[in-house]
């Protein structure tokens, strides 16, 4: 099975904060791509930058889908890594900051 390492950095005014690196399975990464366009052809960087307000909208959409997913699959199996990433970002994020996602 193929895995992606997804890294999350929050750009803060005083100092950037490396939050975490998560290993996501192909199916988890595919699900995450429903919310974050990792392969946007207009993006010239090796990472995706998302504003705090856009992230909060993405998180809300994810939470709705997560609840639906849990109705069919016990305990949200397969999405808990993404849920944990989003929870960590929310805990550490202020409104004027950006989130950087990169993957390998």
N, C-alpha and C. Protein backbone atom coordinates (compact mmCIF):
# COMPACT_ATOMS: atom_id res chain seq x y z
N UNK A 1 0.84 -1.17 0.00
CA UNK A 1 0.00 0.00 0.00
C UNK A 1 0.89 1.24 0.00
N UNK A 2 0.46 2.27 -0.72
CA UNK A 2 1.22 3.51 -0.83
C UNK A 2 0.78 4.49 0.26
N UNK A 3 1.74 5.22 0.83
CA UNK A 3 1.44 6.20 1.87
C UNK A 3 2.04 7.55 1.50
N UNK A 4 1.38 8.61 1.95
CA UNK A 4 1.88 9.98 1.79
C UNK A 4 2.25 10.52 3.16
N UNK A 5 3.35 11.23 3.25
CA UNK A 5 3.68 11.99 4.45
C UNK A 5 3.17 13.40 4.22
N UNK A 6 2.22 13.81 5.05
CA UNK A 6 1.64 15.15 4.95
C UNK A 6 2.17 15.97 6.11
N UNK A 7 2.84 17.08 5.80
CA UNK A 7 3.41 17.96 6.81
C UNK A 7 2.58 19.23 6.91
N UNK A 8 2.42 19.73 8.13
CA UNK A 8 1.63 20.94 8.36
C UNK A 8 2.47 21.95 9.11
N UNK A 9 2.53 23.16 8.57
CA UNK A 9 3.25 24.27 9.22
C UNK A 9 2.28 25.44 9.30
N UNK A 10 2.23 26.09 10.47
CA UNK A 10 1.45 27.31 10.61
C UNK A 10 2.41 28.49 10.58
N UNK A 11 2.16 29.42 9.66
CA UNK A 11 2.99 30.62 9.58
C UNK A 11 2.51 31.62 10.62
N UNK A 12 3.32 31.84 11.62
CA UNK A 12 2.99 32.78 12.68
C UNK A 12 3.87 34.02 12.53
N UNK A 13 3.40 35.13 13.06
CA UNK A 13 4.15 36.38 12.95
C UNK A 13 5.51 36.27 13.63
N UNK A 14 5.54 35.68 14.82
CA UNK A 14 6.79 35.63 15.57
C UNK A 14 7.69 34.48 15.13
N UNK A 15 7.11 33.35 14.76
CA UNK A 15 7.90 32.19 14.35
C UNK A 15 6.96 31.13 13.79
N UNK A 16 7.36 30.53 12.67
CA UNK A 16 6.56 29.44 12.11
C UNK A 16 6.56 28.26 13.06
N UNK A 17 5.46 27.53 13.07
CA UNK A 17 5.32 26.37 13.95
C UNK A 17 5.08 25.13 13.10
N UNK A 18 5.98 24.17 13.22
CA UNK A 18 5.79 22.88 12.55
C UNK A 18 4.87 22.06 13.44
N UNK A 19 3.69 21.76 12.95
CA UNK A 19 2.71 21.04 13.77
C UNK A 19 2.94 19.55 13.79
N UNK A 20 2.96 18.98 12.63
CA UNK A 20 3.04 17.52 12.61
C UNK A 20 3.31 17.01 11.21
N UNK A 21 3.74 15.80 11.20
CA UNK A 21 3.87 15.05 9.95
C UNK A 21 3.06 13.78 10.15
N UNK A 22 2.11 13.57 9.29
CA UNK A 22 1.26 12.39 9.40
C UNK A 22 1.44 11.52 8.18
N UNK A 23 1.42 10.24 8.40
CA UNK A 23 1.44 9.30 7.30
C UNK A 23 -0.01 8.94 6.98
N UNK A 24 -0.43 9.26 5.77
CA UNK A 24 -1.79 8.97 5.33
C UNK A 24 -1.75 7.90 4.26
N UNK A 25 -2.69 6.99 4.35
CA UNK A 25 -2.82 5.97 3.31
C UNK A 25 -3.33 6.63 2.03
N UNK A 26 -3.26 5.90 0.94
CA UNK A 26 -3.76 6.43 -0.33
C UNK A 26 -5.22 6.85 -0.21
N UNK A 27 -6.04 6.04 0.45
CA UNK A 27 -7.47 6.37 0.56
C UNK A 27 -7.69 7.61 1.44
N UNK A 28 -6.89 7.76 2.51
CA UNK A 28 -7.01 8.96 3.35
C UNK A 28 -6.59 10.20 2.56
N UNK A 29 -5.48 10.09 1.83
CA UNK A 29 -5.01 11.22 1.04
C UNK A 29 -6.03 11.58 -0.03
N UNK A 30 -6.63 10.58 -0.67
CA UNK A 30 -7.67 10.84 -1.67
C UNK A 30 -8.86 11.56 -1.05
N UNK A 31 -9.24 11.17 0.17
CA UNK A 31 -10.35 11.84 0.85
C UNK A 31 -9.96 13.28 1.17
N UNK A 32 -8.74 13.51 1.64
CA UNK A 32 -8.28 14.85 1.97
C UNK A 32 -8.27 15.75 0.73
N UNK A 33 -8.00 15.17 -0.44
CA UNK A 33 -8.00 15.93 -1.68
C UNK A 33 -9.38 16.48 -2.03
N UNK A 34 -10.44 15.95 -1.41
CA UNK A 34 -11.78 16.52 -1.60
C UNK A 34 -11.86 17.93 -1.03
N UNK A 35 -10.96 18.25 -0.11
CA UNK A 35 -11.01 19.53 0.60
C UNK A 35 -9.83 20.44 0.27
N UNK A 36 -8.69 19.86 -0.04
CA UNK A 36 -7.47 20.63 -0.32
C UNK A 36 -6.94 20.19 -1.68
N UNK A 37 -6.80 21.15 -2.58
CA UNK A 37 -6.35 20.84 -3.94
C UNK A 37 -4.83 20.82 -3.98
N UNK A 38 -4.25 19.68 -3.71
CA UNK A 38 -2.80 19.53 -3.69
C UNK A 38 -2.17 19.65 -5.08
N UNK A 39 -2.95 19.45 -6.11
CA UNK A 39 -2.41 19.41 -7.46
C UNK A 39 -2.96 20.53 -8.33
N UNK A 40 -3.21 21.69 -7.74
CA UNK A 40 -3.68 22.86 -8.46
C UNK A 40 -2.62 23.27 -9.49
N UNK A 41 -2.97 23.28 -10.77
CA UNK A 41 -1.97 23.59 -11.80
C UNK A 41 -1.44 25.03 -11.72
N UNK A 42 -2.17 25.93 -11.04
CA UNK A 42 -1.73 27.32 -10.91
C UNK A 42 -0.76 27.51 -9.76
N UNK A 43 -0.64 26.51 -8.92
CA UNK A 43 0.26 26.61 -7.77
C UNK A 43 1.70 26.36 -8.22
N UNK A 44 2.54 27.34 -8.00
CA UNK A 44 3.95 27.22 -8.43
C UNK A 44 4.86 26.75 -7.29
N UNK A 45 4.31 26.57 -6.11
CA UNK A 45 5.09 26.17 -4.94
C UNK A 45 5.05 24.66 -4.74
N UNK A 46 5.92 24.19 -3.89
CA UNK A 46 5.92 22.77 -3.53
C UNK A 46 5.03 22.51 -2.33
N UNK A 47 4.24 23.48 -1.97
CA UNK A 47 3.33 23.37 -0.84
C UNK A 47 2.03 24.09 -1.18
N UNK A 48 1.02 23.87 -0.38
CA UNK A 48 -0.26 24.54 -0.53
C UNK A 48 -0.42 25.48 0.66
N UNK A 49 -0.75 26.73 0.39
CA UNK A 49 -0.96 27.70 1.46
C UNK A 49 -2.45 28.01 1.56
N UNK A 50 -2.98 27.92 2.78
CA UNK A 50 -4.40 28.15 3.02
C UNK A 50 -4.54 29.17 4.13
N UNK A 51 -5.41 30.15 3.92
CA UNK A 51 -5.66 31.15 4.96
C UNK A 51 -6.45 30.51 6.10
N UNK A 52 -6.41 31.16 7.25
CA UNK A 52 -7.13 30.64 8.41
C UNK A 52 -8.63 30.57 8.14
N UNK A 53 -9.19 31.59 7.52
CA UNK A 53 -10.63 31.58 7.27
C UNK A 53 -11.02 30.48 6.29
N UNK A 54 -10.20 30.27 5.26
CA UNK A 54 -10.49 29.17 4.32
C UNK A 54 -10.36 27.82 5.03
N UNK A 55 -9.35 27.69 5.89
CA UNK A 55 -9.20 26.43 6.63
C UNK A 55 -10.44 26.14 7.47
N UNK A 56 -10.98 27.16 8.14
CA UNK A 56 -12.16 26.94 8.99
C UNK A 56 -13.34 26.45 8.16
N UNK A 57 -13.49 26.95 6.94
CA UNK A 57 -14.54 26.45 6.04
C UNK A 57 -14.28 25.00 5.64
N UNK A 58 -13.03 24.69 5.32
CA UNK A 58 -12.65 23.32 4.96
C UNK A 58 -12.93 22.38 6.13
N UNK A 59 -12.56 22.81 7.33
CA UNK A 59 -12.76 21.98 8.52
C UNK A 59 -14.24 21.70 8.74
N UNK A 60 -15.08 22.71 8.56
CA UNK A 60 -16.52 22.53 8.74
C UNK A 60 -17.06 21.52 7.72
N UNK A 61 -16.65 21.63 6.47
CA UNK A 61 -17.06 20.67 5.45
C UNK A 61 -16.59 19.26 5.81
N UNK A 62 -15.34 19.15 6.24
CA UNK A 62 -14.80 17.85 6.62
C UNK A 62 -15.60 17.25 7.77
N UNK A 63 -15.91 18.05 8.79
CA UNK A 63 -16.66 17.54 9.94
C UNK A 63 -18.02 17.01 9.52
N UNK A 64 -18.69 17.68 8.61
CA UNK A 64 -19.98 17.19 8.11
C UNK A 64 -19.82 15.86 7.39
N UNK A 65 -18.82 15.77 6.53
CA UNK A 65 -18.57 14.51 5.81
C UNK A 65 -18.12 13.41 6.76
N UNK A 66 -17.33 13.78 7.76
CA UNK A 66 -16.85 12.81 8.75
C UNK A 66 -18.03 12.18 9.49
N UNK A 67 -18.99 13.01 9.89
CA UNK A 67 -20.18 12.49 10.59
C UNK A 67 -20.95 11.53 9.71
N UNK A 68 -21.10 11.88 8.43
CA UNK A 68 -21.78 10.99 7.49
C UNK A 68 -21.01 9.69 7.32
N UNK A 69 -19.70 9.80 7.19
CA UNK A 69 -18.84 8.63 7.02
C UNK A 69 -18.96 7.69 8.23
N UNK A 70 -19.02 8.28 9.43
CA UNK A 70 -19.10 7.47 10.65
C UNK A 70 -20.40 6.69 10.75
N UNK A 71 -21.45 7.16 10.09
CA UNK A 71 -22.72 6.44 10.10
C UNK A 71 -22.57 5.08 9.40
N UNK A 72 -21.67 5.03 8.43
CA UNK A 72 -21.51 3.82 7.63
C UNK A 72 -20.30 2.98 8.02
N UNK A 73 -19.28 3.63 8.56
CA UNK A 73 -18.08 2.91 8.96
C UNK A 73 -17.80 3.22 10.42
N UNK A 74 -17.75 2.20 11.23
CA UNK A 74 -17.61 2.35 12.67
C UNK A 74 -16.37 3.17 13.03
N UNK A 75 -16.54 4.15 13.91
CA UNK A 75 -15.48 4.99 14.47
C UNK A 75 -14.75 5.84 13.43
N UNK A 76 -15.32 6.06 12.28
CA UNK A 76 -14.65 6.89 11.27
C UNK A 76 -13.35 6.29 10.78
N UNK A 77 -13.29 4.98 10.80
CA UNK A 77 -12.06 4.28 10.41
C UNK A 77 -11.53 4.83 9.09
N UNK A 78 -10.26 5.15 9.06
CA UNK A 78 -9.64 5.66 7.86
C UNK A 78 -9.61 7.17 7.76
N UNK A 79 -10.36 7.87 8.60
CA UNK A 79 -10.36 9.33 8.56
C UNK A 79 -9.84 9.95 9.84
N UNK A 80 -9.51 9.13 10.81
CA UNK A 80 -9.08 9.68 12.10
C UNK A 80 -7.76 10.44 12.00
N UNK A 81 -6.86 10.05 11.10
CA UNK A 81 -5.61 10.80 10.92
C UNK A 81 -5.89 12.22 10.43
N UNK A 82 -6.81 12.35 9.48
CA UNK A 82 -7.16 13.67 8.97
C UNK A 82 -7.84 14.49 10.07
N UNK A 83 -8.73 13.86 10.79
CA UNK A 83 -9.42 14.55 11.89
C UNK A 83 -8.41 15.09 12.90
N UNK A 84 -7.41 14.30 13.23
CA UNK A 84 -6.38 14.71 14.19
C UNK A 84 -5.57 15.89 13.65
N UNK A 85 -5.21 15.86 12.38
CA UNK A 85 -4.50 16.99 11.76
C UNK A 85 -5.33 18.26 11.90
N UNK A 86 -6.61 18.19 11.54
CA UNK A 86 -7.48 19.37 11.60
C UNK A 86 -7.65 19.87 13.03
N UNK A 87 -7.76 18.96 13.99
CA UNK A 87 -7.88 19.37 15.39
C UNK A 87 -6.62 20.09 15.86
N UNK A 88 -5.45 19.57 15.49
CA UNK A 88 -4.18 20.21 15.88
C UNK A 88 -4.05 21.59 15.26
N UNK A 89 -4.44 21.73 14.01
CA UNK A 89 -4.38 23.04 13.36
C UNK A 89 -5.30 24.01 14.08
N UNK A 90 -6.54 23.60 14.34
CA UNK A 90 -7.51 24.47 15.00
C UNK A 90 -7.02 24.94 16.35
N UNK A 91 -6.39 24.06 17.08
CA UNK A 91 -5.89 24.38 18.42
C UNK A 91 -4.78 25.43 18.37
N UNK A 92 -3.99 25.44 17.32
CA UNK A 92 -2.81 26.31 17.23
C UNK A 92 -2.98 27.51 16.31
N UNK A 93 -4.14 27.70 15.74
CA UNK A 93 -4.32 28.69 14.69
C UNK A 93 -4.96 29.98 15.21
N UNK A 94 -4.45 31.11 14.74
CA UNK A 94 -5.07 32.42 14.94
C UNK A 94 -5.55 32.91 13.58
N UNK A 95 -6.47 33.84 13.58
CA UNK A 95 -7.13 34.24 12.33
C UNK A 95 -6.21 34.89 11.30
N UNK A 96 -5.13 35.49 11.66
CA UNK A 96 -4.28 36.18 10.69
C UNK A 96 -3.16 35.28 10.16
N UNK A 97 -3.19 34.03 10.50
CA UNK A 97 -2.12 33.12 10.11
C UNK A 97 -2.51 32.28 8.90
N UNK A 98 -1.52 31.68 8.29
CA UNK A 98 -1.73 30.78 7.16
C UNK A 98 -1.23 29.39 7.52
N UNK A 99 -1.79 28.40 6.86
CA UNK A 99 -1.37 27.02 7.06
C UNK A 99 -0.70 26.56 5.76
N UNK A 100 0.44 25.92 5.91
CA UNK A 100 1.14 25.36 4.75
C UNK A 100 1.08 23.85 4.83
N UNK A 101 0.62 23.23 3.75
CA UNK A 101 0.60 21.77 3.64
C UNK A 101 1.62 21.38 2.59
N UNK A 102 2.46 20.44 2.91
CA UNK A 102 3.26 19.82 1.86
C UNK A 102 3.20 18.31 2.05
N UNK A 103 3.60 17.60 1.05
CA UNK A 103 3.46 16.15 1.08
C UNK A 103 4.59 15.54 0.27
N UNK A 104 4.86 14.30 0.57
CA UNK A 104 5.89 13.55 -0.16
C UNK A 104 5.50 12.09 -0.23
